[in-house]
Protein backbone atom coordinates (compact mmCIF):
# COMPACT_ATOMS: atom_id res chain seq x y z
CA MET A 1 -4.47 12.74 -13.97
CA ALA A 2 -8.21 12.62 -14.75
CA SER A 3 -7.98 9.12 -16.25
CA GLN A 4 -6.21 7.86 -13.12
CA VAL A 5 -8.92 9.35 -10.91
CA ALA A 6 -11.55 7.65 -13.06
CA VAL A 7 -9.79 4.29 -12.61
CA LEU A 8 -9.60 4.78 -8.84
CA ARG A 9 -13.29 5.69 -8.69
CA GLU A 10 -14.22 2.62 -10.69
CA PHE A 11 -12.06 0.47 -8.39
CA ARG A 12 -13.76 2.04 -5.36
CA ASP A 13 -17.26 1.55 -6.74
CA HIS A 14 -16.87 -1.94 -8.21
CA CYS A 15 -14.35 -3.52 -5.85
CA LEU A 16 -13.91 -1.78 -2.52
CA LEU A 17 -17.53 -0.92 -1.79
CA ARG A 18 -18.62 -4.52 -2.37
CA CYS A 19 -17.03 -5.88 0.80
CA GLY A 20 -17.02 -4.84 4.44
CA VAL A 21 -13.27 -4.29 4.68
CA GLY A 22 -13.36 -2.17 1.52
CA ARG A 23 -16.20 -0.05 2.89
CA VAL A 24 -14.25 0.52 6.11
CA PHE A 25 -11.17 1.48 4.10
CA VAL A 26 -13.16 3.94 1.98
CA ALA A 27 -14.73 5.48 5.11
CA LEU A 28 -11.30 5.90 6.72
CA TYR A 29 -9.91 7.31 3.49
CA TYR A 30 -12.61 9.98 3.30
CA ARG A 31 -12.10 10.82 6.95
CA TRP A 32 -8.30 11.15 6.85
CA SER A 33 -7.51 12.20 3.29
CA PRO A 34 -8.61 15.87 3.39
CA PRO A 35 -6.15 16.95 6.11
CA VAL A 36 -3.40 14.81 4.58
CA ALA A 37 -4.10 16.29 1.14
CA ASP A 38 -3.93 19.81 2.57
CA PHE A 39 -0.59 19.02 4.18
CA ILE A 40 0.78 17.52 0.96
CA ALA A 41 -0.52 20.41 -1.16
CA ALA A 42 1.67 22.85 0.76
CA SER A 43 4.90 21.25 -0.46
CA GLU A 44 6.09 20.53 -4.00
CA PRO A 45 8.41 17.70 -2.86
CA LEU A 46 5.52 16.07 -0.98
CA ARG A 47 3.25 16.42 -4.03
CA TRP A 48 5.91 14.73 -6.16
CA ALA A 49 6.39 11.95 -3.59
CA ALA A 50 2.62 11.41 -3.34
CA ARG A 51 2.34 11.10 -7.13
CA CYS A 52 5.19 8.58 -7.17
CA ALA A 53 3.67 6.61 -4.30
CA LEU A 54 0.26 6.54 -5.98
CA TRP A 55 1.45 5.15 -9.33
CA PRO A 56 1.63 1.53 -8.11
CA VAL A 57 -1.81 1.95 -6.53
CA VAL A 58 -3.29 3.31 -9.76
CA LEU A 59 -1.62 0.60 -11.86
CA THR A 60 -2.82 -2.17 -9.56
CA ALA A 61 -6.35 -0.70 -9.43
CA SER A 62 -6.50 -0.40 -13.21
CA LEU A 63 -5.24 -3.94 -13.62
CA TYR A 64 -7.83 -5.16 -11.11
CA VAL A 65 -10.64 -3.21 -12.80
CA PHE A 66 -9.82 -4.57 -16.25
CA SER A 67 -8.79 -8.07 -15.15
CA PRO A 68 -9.77 -9.04 -11.60
CA VAL A 69 -7.80 -12.30 -11.78
CA ALA A 70 -4.57 -10.56 -12.84
CA GLY A 71 -5.13 -7.83 -10.24
CA SER A 72 -5.66 -10.42 -7.55
CA LEU A 73 -2.46 -12.18 -8.55
CA VAL A 74 -0.50 -8.93 -8.32
CA VAL A 75 -1.93 -8.14 -4.88
CA ALA A 76 -1.30 -11.69 -3.66
CA SER A 77 2.26 -11.57 -4.99
CA CYS A 78 2.92 -8.28 -3.21
CA ALA A 79 1.46 -9.63 0.03
CA LEU A 80 3.57 -12.78 -0.23
CA GLY A 81 6.64 -10.65 -0.89
CA MET A 82 5.96 -8.56 2.19
CA VAL A 83 5.58 -11.70 4.32
CA VAL A 84 8.87 -13.10 3.02
CA VAL A 85 10.70 -9.82 3.63
CA ALA A 86 9.22 -9.52 7.14
CA ARG A 87 10.31 -13.07 8.01
CA GLN A 88 13.80 -12.46 6.69
CA LEU A 89 14.07 -9.22 8.63
CA ARG A 90 12.87 -10.90 11.82
CA ARG A 91 15.36 -13.73 11.33
CA HIS A 92 18.19 -11.24 10.73
CA LEU A 93 17.29 -9.23 13.84
CA ARG A 94 17.08 -12.38 15.97
CA ARG A 95 20.54 -13.52 14.82
CA ARG A 96 21.91 -10.05 15.49
CA ARG A 97 20.49 -10.05 19.06
CA GLU A 98 21.88 -13.53 19.66
CA ALA A 99 25.32 -12.44 18.43
CA GLN A 100 25.23 -9.36 20.66
CA ALA A 101 24.19 -11.47 23.66
CA ALA A 102 27.00 -13.95 22.97
CA ALA A 103 29.52 -11.12 22.66
CA ALA A 104 28.31 -9.59 25.93
CA GLN A 105 28.74 -12.92 27.73
CA ALA A 106 32.27 -13.43 26.40
């Protein structure tokens, strides 16, 4: 895990701390992470889940550290994917509400 921590530190120092939003994120992280880490440390299933959840973060950070263009493309692709999924979900929920309203009127 030490190599992953080193990658995250390098990402923090060379990427996040260079912009205002990144500095705010780092400040919030240092404020909220100790109590969350204590909570997670008390449970083996939560520790396992946290490790699994952090792998994409570590991989993306390492990609960004070693190739900022490739890292940016991955982040942009993920953001675009989330926008597409959110739009599809909203569309599905709207159709469902419309169908329920039509059924209630019938």
